[in-house]
Amino acid sequence: MFSEKYPDVVFAKVDTEHQTELAQSCQIRSIPTLMLFREQILLFNQAGALAPAQLADVLDKVKQLDMHQVKASIKQQQDTATE
């Protein structure tokens, strides 16, 4: 079970029929949709299911990201967009 292998990860399921506002704000268009956030930043978004090995790979990669670098890249993109 992934929740046992990744105890520091929060796994959540959204009922898009009852949580329509959340589904719209996350732009969920098909089910299932896998979204991975870290420090409130969307880092992965894919419609469709992943095989267990693929999910483990994505989780490991997201956990290894340097969030200071991610935030700096986002800021640079935002600065460029406002110029």
PDB file of N, CA and C in Angstrom:
ATOM      1  N   MET A   1       0.841  -1.177   0.000  1.00  0.00           N
ATOM      2  CA  MET A   1       0.000   0.000   0.000  1.00  0.00           C
ATOM      3  C   MET A   1       0.889   1.245   0.000  1.00  0.00           C
ATOM      4  N   PHE A   2       0.583   2.190  -0.870  1.00  0.00           N
ATOM      5  CA  PHE A   2       1.417   3.372  -1.016  1.00  0.00           C
ATOM      6  C   PHE A   2       1.421   4.243   0.238  1.00  0.00           C
ATOM      7  N   SER A   3       0.318   4.300   0.936  1.00  0.00           N
ATOM      8  CA  SER A   3       0.277   5.129   2.138  1.00  0.00           C
ATOM      9  C   SER A   3       1.219   4.595   3.215  1.00  0.00           C
ATOM     10  N   GLU A   4       1.501   3.315   3.196  1.00  0.00           N
ATOM     11  CA  GLU A   4       2.458   2.739   4.142  1.00  0.00           C
ATOM     12  C   GLU A   4       3.893   2.984   3.683  1.00  0.00           C
ATOM     13  N   LYS A   5       4.119   2.906   2.385  1.00  0.00           N
ATOM     14  CA  LYS A   5       5.470   3.120   1.845  1.00  0.00           C
ATOM     15  C   LYS A   5       5.861   4.596   1.898  1.00  0.00           C
ATOM     16  N   TYR A   6       4.871   5.491   1.806  1.00  0.00           N
ATOM     17  CA  TYR A   6       5.099   6.934   1.812  1.00  0.00           C
ATOM     18  C   TYR A   6       4.274   7.578   2.933  1.00  0.00           C
ATOM     19  N   PRO A   7       4.674   7.359   4.193  1.00  0.00           N
ATOM     20  CA  PRO A   7       3.867   7.870   5.308  1.00  0.00           C
ATOM     21  C   PRO A   7       3.834   9.398   5.392  1.00  0.00           C
ATOM     22  N   ASP A   8       4.770  10.082   4.768  1.00  0.00           N
ATOM     23  CA  ASP A   8       4.806  11.545   4.807  1.00  0.00           C
ATOM     24  C   ASP A   8       4.031  12.181   3.652  1.00  0.00           C
ATOM     25  N   VAL A   9       3.358  11.355   2.847  1.00  0.00           N
ATOM     26  CA  VAL A   9       2.564  11.839   1.725  1.00  0.00           C
ATOM     27  C   VAL A   9       1.091  11.735   2.095  1.00  0.00           C
ATOM     28  N   VAL A  10       0.341  12.788   1.788  1.00  0.00           N
ATOM     29  CA  VAL A  10      -1.102  12.771   2.016  1.00  0.00           C
ATOM     30  C   VAL A  10      -1.780  12.342   0.719  1.00  0.00           C
ATOM     31  N   PHE A  11      -2.535  11.272   0.791  1.00  0.00           N
ATOM     32  CA  PHE A  11      -3.290  10.785  -0.355  1.00  0.00           C
ATOM     33  C   PHE A  11      -4.741  11.199  -0.149  1.00  0.00           C
ATOM     34  N   ALA A  12      -5.326  11.821  -1.154  1.00  0.00           N
ATOM     35  CA  ALA A  12      -6.707  12.289  -1.033  1.00  0.00           C
ATOM     36  C   ALA A  12      -7.487  11.925  -2.282  1.00  0.00           C
ATOM     37  N   LYS A  13      -8.763  11.741  -2.094  1.00  0.00           N
ATOM     38  CA  LYS A  13      -9.660  11.421  -3.197  1.00  0.00           C
ATOM     39  C   LYS A  13     -10.759  12.480  -3.184  1.00  0.00           C
ATOM     40  N   VAL A  14     -11.053  13.033  -4.343  1.00  0.00           N
ATOM     41  CA  VAL A  14     -12.061  14.088  -4.444  1.00  0.00           C
ATOM     42  C   VAL A  14     -13.290  13.533  -5.153  1.00  0.00           C
ATOM     43  N   ASP A  15     -14.439  13.710  -4.546  1.00  0.00           N
ATOM     44  CA  ASP A  15     -15.709  13.361  -5.173  1.00  0.00           C
ATOM     45  C   ASP A  15     -16.098  14.555  -6.041  1.00  0.00           C
ATOM     46  N   THR A  16     -15.781  14.489  -7.316  1.00  0.00           N
ATOM     47  CA  THR A  16     -15.974  15.641  -8.206  1.00  0.00           C
ATOM     48  C   THR A  16     -17.441  15.996  -8.411  1.00  0.00           C
ATOM     49  N   GLU A  17     -18.335  15.057  -8.179  1.00  0.00           N
ATOM     50  CA  GLU A  17     -19.757  15.363  -8.317  1.00  0.00           C
ATOM     51  C   GLU A  17     -20.262  16.221  -7.170  1.00  0.00           C
ATOM     52  N   HIS A  18     -19.686  16.049  -5.993  1.00  0.00           N
ATOM     53  CA  HIS A  18     -20.100  16.832  -4.827  1.00  0.00           C
ATOM     54  C   HIS A  18     -19.163  17.999  -4.535  1.00  0.00           C
ATOM     55  N   GLN A  19     -17.944  17.922  -4.994  1.00  0.00           N
ATOM     56  CA  GLN A  19     -16.960  18.983  -4.794  1.00  0.00           C
ATOM     57  C   GLN A  19     -16.689  19.681  -6.125  1.00  0.00           C
ATOM     58  N   THR A  20     -17.742  20.160  -6.750  1.00  0.00           N
ATOM     59  CA  THR A  20     -17.627  20.723  -8.091  1.00  0.00           C
ATOM     60  C   THR A  20     -16.729  21.955  -8.127  1.00  0.00           C
ATOM     61  N   GLU A  21     -16.790  22.784  -7.094  1.00  0.00           N
ATOM     62  CA  GLU A  21     -15.954  23.982  -7.074  1.00  0.00           C
ATOM     63  C   GLU A  21     -14.465  23.616  -7.048  1.00  0.00           C
ATOM     64  N   LEU A  22     -14.125  22.642  -6.227  1.00  0.00           N
ATOM     65  CA  LEU A  22     -12.732  22.181  -6.153  1.00  0.00           C
ATOM     66  C   LEU A  22     -12.319  21.542  -7.478  1.00  0.00           C
ATOM     67  N   ALA A  23     -13.183  20.722  -8.032  1.00  0.00           N
ATOM     68  CA  ALA A  23     -12.875  20.073  -9.313  1.00  0.00           C
ATOM     69  C   ALA A  23     -12.657  21.109 -10.412  1.00  0.00           C
ATOM     70  N   GLN A  24     -13.474  22.143 -10.428  1.00  0.00           N
ATOM     71  CA  GLN A  24     -13.320  23.200 -11.433  1.00  0.00           C
ATOM     72  C   GLN A  24     -12.037  23.989 -11.205  1.00  0.00           C
ATOM     73  N   SER A  25     -11.731  24.307  -9.952  1.00  0.00           N
ATOM     74  CA  SER A  25     -10.523  25.098  -9.688  1.00  0.00           C
ATOM     75  C   SER A  25      -9.254  24.319 -10.020  1.00  0.00           C
ATOM     76  N   CYS A  26      -9.323  22.995  -9.909  1.00  0.00           N
ATOM     77  CA  CYS A  26      -8.177  22.145 -10.267  1.00  0.00           C
ATOM     78  C   CYS A  26      -8.223  21.711 -11.727  1.00  0.00           C
ATOM     79  N   GLN A  27      -9.250  22.135 -12.440  1.00  0.00           N
ATOM     80  CA  GLN A  27      -9.433  21.816 -13.852  1.00  0.00           C
ATOM     81  C   GLN A  27      -9.427  20.300 -14.114  1.00  0.00           C
ATOM     82  N   ILE A  28     -10.120  19.579 -13.243  1.00  0.00           N
ATOM     83  CA  ILE A  28     -10.249  18.133 -13.421  1.00  0.00           C
ATOM     84  C   ILE A  28     -11.292  17.885 -14.495  1.00  0.00           C
ATOM     85  N   ARG A  29     -10.859  17.268 -15.582  1.00  0.00           N
ATOM     86  CA  ARG A  29     -11.743  17.032 -16.706  1.00  0.00           C
ATOM     87  C   ARG A  29     -12.040  15.553 -16.941  1.00  0.00           C
ATOM     88  N   SER A  30     -11.237  14.688 -16.360  1.00  0.00           N
ATOM     89  CA  SER A  30     -11.502  13.257 -16.500  1.00  0.00           C
ATOM     90  C   SER A  30     -11.107  12.560 -15.206  1.00  0.00           C
ATOM     91  N   ILE A  31     -11.685  11.376 -15.057  1.00  0.00           N
ATOM     92  CA  ILE A  31     -11.444  10.603 -13.846  1.00  0.00           C
ATOM     93  C   ILE A  31     -10.890   9.250 -14.261  1.00  0.00           C
ATOM     94  N   PRO A  32      -9.804   8.793 -13.681  1.00  0.00           N
ATOM     95  CA  PRO A  32      -9.073   9.461 -12.606  1.00  0.00           C
ATOM     96  C   PRO A  32      -8.118  10.531 -13.135  1.00  0.00           C
ATOM     97  N   THR A  33      -7.812  11.481 -12.298  1.00  0.00           N
ATOM     98  CA  THR A  33      -6.768  12.464 -12.546  1.00  0.00           C
ATOM     99  C   THR A  33      -5.838  12.447 -11.341  1.00  0.00           C
ATOM    100  N   LEU A  34      -4.568  12.297 -11.596  1.00  0.00           N
ATOM    101  CA  LEU A  34      -3.574  12.274 -10.527  1.00  0.00           C
ATOM    102  C   LEU A  34      -2.888  13.630 -10.479  1.00  0.00           C
ATOM    103  N   MET A  35      -2.912  14.243  -9.299  1.00  0.00           N
ATOM    104  CA  MET A  35      -2.263  15.537  -9.111  1.00  0.00           C
ATOM    105  C   MET A  35      -1.342  15.413  -7.900  1.00  0.00           C
ATOM    106  N   LEU A  36      -0.124  15.885  -8.056  1.00  0.00           N
ATOM    107  CA  LEU A  36       0.818  15.879  -6.950  1.00  0.00           C
ATOM    108  C   LEU A  36       1.214  17.309  -6.621  1.00  0.00           C
ATOM    109  N   PHE A  37       1.022  17.677  -5.370  1.00  0.00           N
ATOM    110  CA  PHE A  37       1.381  19.003  -4.876  1.00  0.00           C
ATOM    111  C   PHE A  37       2.486  18.855  -3.847  1.00  0.00           C
ATOM    112  N   ARG A  38       3.332  19.839  -3.800  1.00  0.00           N
ATOM    113  CA  ARG A  38       4.322  19.923  -2.736  1.00  0.00           C
ATOM    114  C   ARG A  38       4.461  21.399  -2.397  1.00  0.00           C
ATOM    115  N   GLU A  39       4.316  21.710  -1.126  1.00  0.00           N
ATOM    116  CA  GLU A  39       4.363  23.101  -0.664  1.00  0.00           C
ATOM    117  C   GLU A  39       3.370  23.961  -1.450  1.00  0.00           C
ATOM    118  N   GLN A  40       2.193  23.408  -1.678  1.00  0.00           N
ATOM    119  CA  GLN A  40       1.084  24.064  -2.365  1.00  0.00           C
ATOM    120  C   GLN A  40       1.375  24.394  -3.826  1.00  0.00           C
ATOM    121  N   ILE A  41       2.347  23.723  -4.407  1.00  0.00           N
ATOM    122  CA  ILE A  41       2.699  23.923  -5.815  1.00  0.00           C
ATOM    123  C   ILE A  41       2.363  22.640  -6.567  1.00  0.00           C
ATOM    124  N   LEU A  42       1.586  22.775  -7.624  1.00  0.00           N
ATOM    125  CA  LEU A  42       1.240  21.624  -8.454  1.00  0.00           C
ATOM    126  C   LEU A  42       2.471  21.221  -9.257  1.00  0.00           C
ATOM    127  N   LEU A  43       2.934  19.996  -9.041  1.00  0.00           N
ATOM    128  CA  LEU A  43       4.148  19.519  -9.696  1.00  0.00           C
ATOM    129  C   LEU A  43       3.884  18.425 -10.719  1.00  0.00           C
ATOM    130  N   PHE A  44       2.724  17.810 -10.638  1.00  0.00           N
ATOM    131  CA  PHE A  44       2.396  16.724 -11.575  1.00  0.00           C
ATOM    132  C   PHE A  44       0.891  16.691 -11.731  1.00  0.00           C
ATOM    133  N   ASN A  45       0.430  16.571 -12.966  1.00  0.00           N
ATOM    134  CA  ASN A  45      -0.998  16.530 -13.247  1.00  0.00           C
ATOM    135  C   ASN A  45      -1.187  15.663 -14.483  1.00  0.00           C
ATOM    136  N   GLN A  46      -1.879  14.535 -14.303  1.00  0.00           N
ATOM    137  CA  GLN A  46      -2.081  13.634 -15.433  1.00  0.00           C
ATOM    138  C   GLN A  46      -3.426  12.951 -15.306  1.00  0.00           C
ATOM    139  N   ALA A  47      -4.171  12.985 -16.388  1.00  0.00           N
ATOM    140  CA  ALA A  47      -5.420  12.227 -16.448  1.00  0.00           C
ATOM    141  C   ALA A  47      -5.080  10.770 -16.698  1.00  0.00           C
ATOM    142  N   GLY A  48      -5.809   9.888 -16.044  1.00  0.00           N
ATOM    143  CA  GLY A  48      -5.576   8.456 -16.220  1.00  0.00           C
ATOM    144  C   GLY A  48      -4.798   7.871 -15.061  1.00  0.00           C
ATOM    145  N   ALA A  49      -4.905   6.592 -14.927  1.00  0.00           N
ATOM    146  CA  ALA A  49      -4.241   5.879 -13.846  1.00  0.00           C
ATOM    147  C   ALA A  49      -2.788   5.571 -14.216  1.00  0.00           C
ATOM    148  N   LEU A  50      -1.985   5.380 -13.192  1.00  0.00           N
ATOM    149  CA  LEU A  50      -0.597   4.959 -13.379  1.00  0.00           C
ATOM    150  C   LEU A  50      -0.422   3.565 -12.797  1.00  0.00           C
ATOM    151  N   ALA A  51       0.459   2.801 -13.399  1.00  0.00           N
ATOM    152  CA  ALA A  51       0.830   1.505 -12.829  1.00  0.00           C
ATOM    153  C   ALA A  51       1.574   1.773 -11.516  1.00  0.00           C
ATOM    154  N   PRO A  52       1.539   0.842 -10.577  1.00  0.00           N
ATOM    155  CA  PRO A  52       2.207   1.062  -9.288  1.00  0.00           C
ATOM    156  C   PRO A  52       3.668   1.492  -9.413  1.00  0.00           C
ATOM    157  N   ALA A  53       4.416   0.881 -10.313  1.00  0.00           N
ATOM    158  CA  ALA A  53       5.830   1.256 -10.472  1.00  0.00           C
ATOM    159  C   ALA A  53       5.966   2.691 -10.994  1.00  0.00           C
ATOM    160  N   GLN A  54       5.064   3.091 -11.876  1.00  0.00           N
ATOM    161  CA  GLN A  54       5.093   4.460 -12.399  1.00  0.00           C
ATOM    162  C   GLN A  54       4.753   5.467 -11.300  1.00  0.00           C
ATOM    163  N   LEU A  55       3.751   5.153 -10.490  1.00  0.00           N
ATOM    164  CA  LEU A  55       3.379   6.042  -9.393  1.00  0.00           C
ATOM    165  C   LEU A  55       4.522   6.177  -8.398  1.00  0.00           C
ATOM    166  N   ALA A  56       5.163   5.080  -8.069  1.00  0.00           N
ATOM    167  CA  ALA A  56       6.304   5.129  -7.143  1.00  0.00           C
ATOM    168  C   ALA A  56       7.418   5.991  -7.716  1.00  0.00           C
ATOM    169  N   ASP A  57       7.676   5.859  -9.015  1.00  0.00           N
ATOM    170  CA  ASP A  57       8.715   6.652  -9.668  1.00  0.00           C
ATOM    171  C   ASP A  57       8.389   8.145  -9.602  1.00  0.00           C
ATOM    172  N   VAL A  58       7.146   8.501  -9.901  1.00  0.00           N
ATOM    173  CA  VAL A  58       6.744   9.908  -9.868  1.00  0.00           C
ATOM    174  C   VAL A  58       6.832  10.450  -8.443  1.00  0.00           C
ATOM    175  N   LEU A  59       6.352   9.688  -7.471  1.00  0.00           N
ATOM    176  CA  LEU A  59       6.423  10.132  -6.077  1.00  0.00           C
ATOM    177  C   LEU A  59       7.866  10.354  -5.640  1.00  0.00           C
ATOM    178  N   ASP A  60       8.740   9.426  -5.987  1.00  0.00           N
ATOM    179  CA  ASP A  60      10.155   9.561  -5.622  1.00  0.00           C
ATOM    180  C   ASP A  60      10.773  10.803  -6.269  1.00  0.00           C
ATOM    181  N   LYS A  61      10.456  11.053  -7.521  1.00  0.00           N
ATOM    182  CA  LYS A  61      11.007  12.222  -8.213  1.00  0.00           C
ATOM    183  C   LYS A  61      10.504  13.519  -7.601  1.00  0.00           C
ATOM    184  N   VAL A  62       9.236  13.575  -7.253  1.00  0.00           N
ATOM    185  CA  VAL A  62       8.680  14.781  -6.642  1.00  0.00           C
ATOM    186  C   VAL A  62       9.310  15.013  -5.273  1.00  0.00           C
ATOM    187  N   LYS A  63       9.509  13.949  -4.516  1.00  0.00           N
ATOM    188  CA  LYS A  63      10.124  14.088  -3.192  1.00  0.00           C
ATOM    189  C   LYS A  63      11.573  14.566  -3.282  1.00  0.00           C
ATOM    190  N   GLN A  64      12.262  14.256  -4.383  1.00  0.00           N
ATOM    191  CA  GLN A  64      13.663  14.621  -4.540  1.00  0.00           C
ATOM    192  C   GLN A  64      13.870  16.036  -5.081  1.00  0.00           C
ATOM    193  N   LEU A  65      12.803  16.675  -5.526  1.00  0.00           N
ATOM    194  CA  LEU A  65      12.941  18.013  -6.097  1.00  0.00           C
ATOM    195  C   LEU A  65      13.487  19.008  -5.084  1.00  0.00           C
ATOM    196  N   ASP A  66      14.336  19.896  -5.558  1.00  0.00           N
ATOM    197  CA  ASP A  66      14.824  21.014  -4.747  1.00  0.00           C
ATOM    198  C   ASP A  66      13.773  22.116  -4.850  1.00  0.00           C
ATOM    199  N   MET A  67      12.988  22.294  -3.803  1.00  0.00           N
ATOM    200  CA  MET A  67      11.875  23.233  -3.863  1.00  0.00           C
ATOM    201  C   MET A  67      12.338  24.685  -3.950  1.00  0.00           C
ATOM    202  N   HIS A  68      13.518  24.992  -3.450  1.00  0.00           N
ATOM    203  CA  HIS A  68      14.054  26.351  -3.624  1.00  0.00           C
ATOM    204  C   HIS A  68      14.265  26.636  -5.109  1.00  0.00           C
ATOM    205  N   GLN A  69      14.779  25.649  -5.820  1.00  0.00           N
ATOM    206  CA  GLN A  69      14.994  25.788  -7.256  1.00  0.00           C
ATOM    207  C   GLN A  69      13.664  25.875  -8.003  1.00  0.00           C
ATOM    208  N   VAL A  70      12.687  25.079  -7.596  1.00  0.00           N
ATOM    209  CA  VAL A  70      11.362  25.110  -8.218  1.00  0.00           C
ATOM    210  C   VAL A  70      10.739  26.494  -8.039  1.00  0.00           C
ATOM    211  N   LYS A  71      10.798  27.026  -6.818  1.00  0.00           N
ATOM    212  CA  LYS A  71      10.214  28.345  -6.537  1.00  0.00           C
ATOM    213  C   LYS A  71      10.937  29.440  -7.313  1.00  0.00           C
ATOM    214  N   ALA A  72      12.257  29.339  -7.427  1.00  0.00           N
ATOM    215  CA  ALA A  72      13.024  30.326  -8.193  1.00  0.00           C
ATOM    216  C   ALA A  72      12.635  30.276  -9.664  1.00  0.00           C
ATOM    217  N   SER A  73      12.424  29.082 -10.196  1.00  0.00           N
ATOM    218  CA  SER A  73      12.022  28.928 -11.591  1.00  0.00           C
ATOM    219  C   SER A  73      10.634  29.518 -11.823  1.00  0.00           C
ATOM    220  N   ILE A  74       9.722  29.288 -10.902  1.00  0.00           N
ATOM    221  CA  ILE A  74       8.372  29.845 -11.016  1.00  0.00           C
ATOM    222  C   ILE A  74       8.431  31.361 -10.978  1.00  0.00           C
ATOM    223  N   LYS A  75       9.230  31.902 -10.068  1.00  0.00           N
ATOM    224  CA  LYS A  75       9.359  33.358  -9.967  1.00  0.00           C
ATOM    225  C   LYS A  75       9.942  33.942 -11.247  1.00  0.00           C
ATOM    226  N   GLN A  76      10.933  33.276 -11.804  1.00  0.00           N
ATOM    227  CA  GLN A  76      11.539  33.740 -13.048  1.00  0.00           C
ATOM    228  C   GLN A  76      10.510  33.727 -14.186  1.00  0.00           C
ATOM    229  N   GLN A  77       9.700  32.697 -14.266  1.00  0.00           N
ATOM    230  CA  GLN A  77       8.663  32.610 -15.296  1.00  0.00           C
ATOM    231  C   GLN A  77       7.625  33.713 -15.110  1.00  0.00           C
ATOM    232  N   GLN A  78       7.263  33.985 -13.868  1.00  0.00           N
ATOM    233  CA  GLN A  78       6.296  35.039 -13.593  1.00  0.00           C
ATOM    234  C   GLN A  78       6.868  36.407 -13.941  1.00  0.00           C
ATOM    235  N   ASP A  79       8.130  36.627 -13.613  1.00  0.00           N
ATOM    236  CA  ASP A  79       8.783  37.895 -13.922  1.00  0.00           C
ATOM    237  C   ASP A  79       8.857  38.106 -15.438  1.00  0.00           C
ATOM    238  N   THR A  80       9.191  37.043 -16.161  1.00  0.00           N
ATOM    239  CA  THR A  80       9.277  37.122 -17.609  1.00  0.00           C
ATOM    240  C   THR A  80       7.901  37.403 -18.232  1.00  0.00           C
ATOM    241  N   ALA A  81       6.862  36.801 -17.659  1.00  0.00           N
ATOM    242  CA  ALA A  81       5.518  36.981 -18.187  1.00  0.00           C
ATOM    243  C   ALA A  81       4.999  38.395 -17.971  1.00  0.00           C
ATOM    244  N   THR A  82       5.476  39.080 -16.949  1.00  0.00           N
ATOM    245  CA  THR A  82       4.998  40.431 -16.656  1.00  0.00           C
ATOM    246  C   THR A  82       5.810  41.498 -17.384  1.00  0.00           C
ATOM    247  N   GLU A  83       6.868  41.111 -18.026  1.00  0.00           N
ATOM    248  CA  GLU A  83       7.689  42.112 -18.758  1.00  0.00           C
ATOM    249  C   GLU A  83       7.064  42.499 -20.059  1.00  0.00           C
TER     250      GLU A  83
END
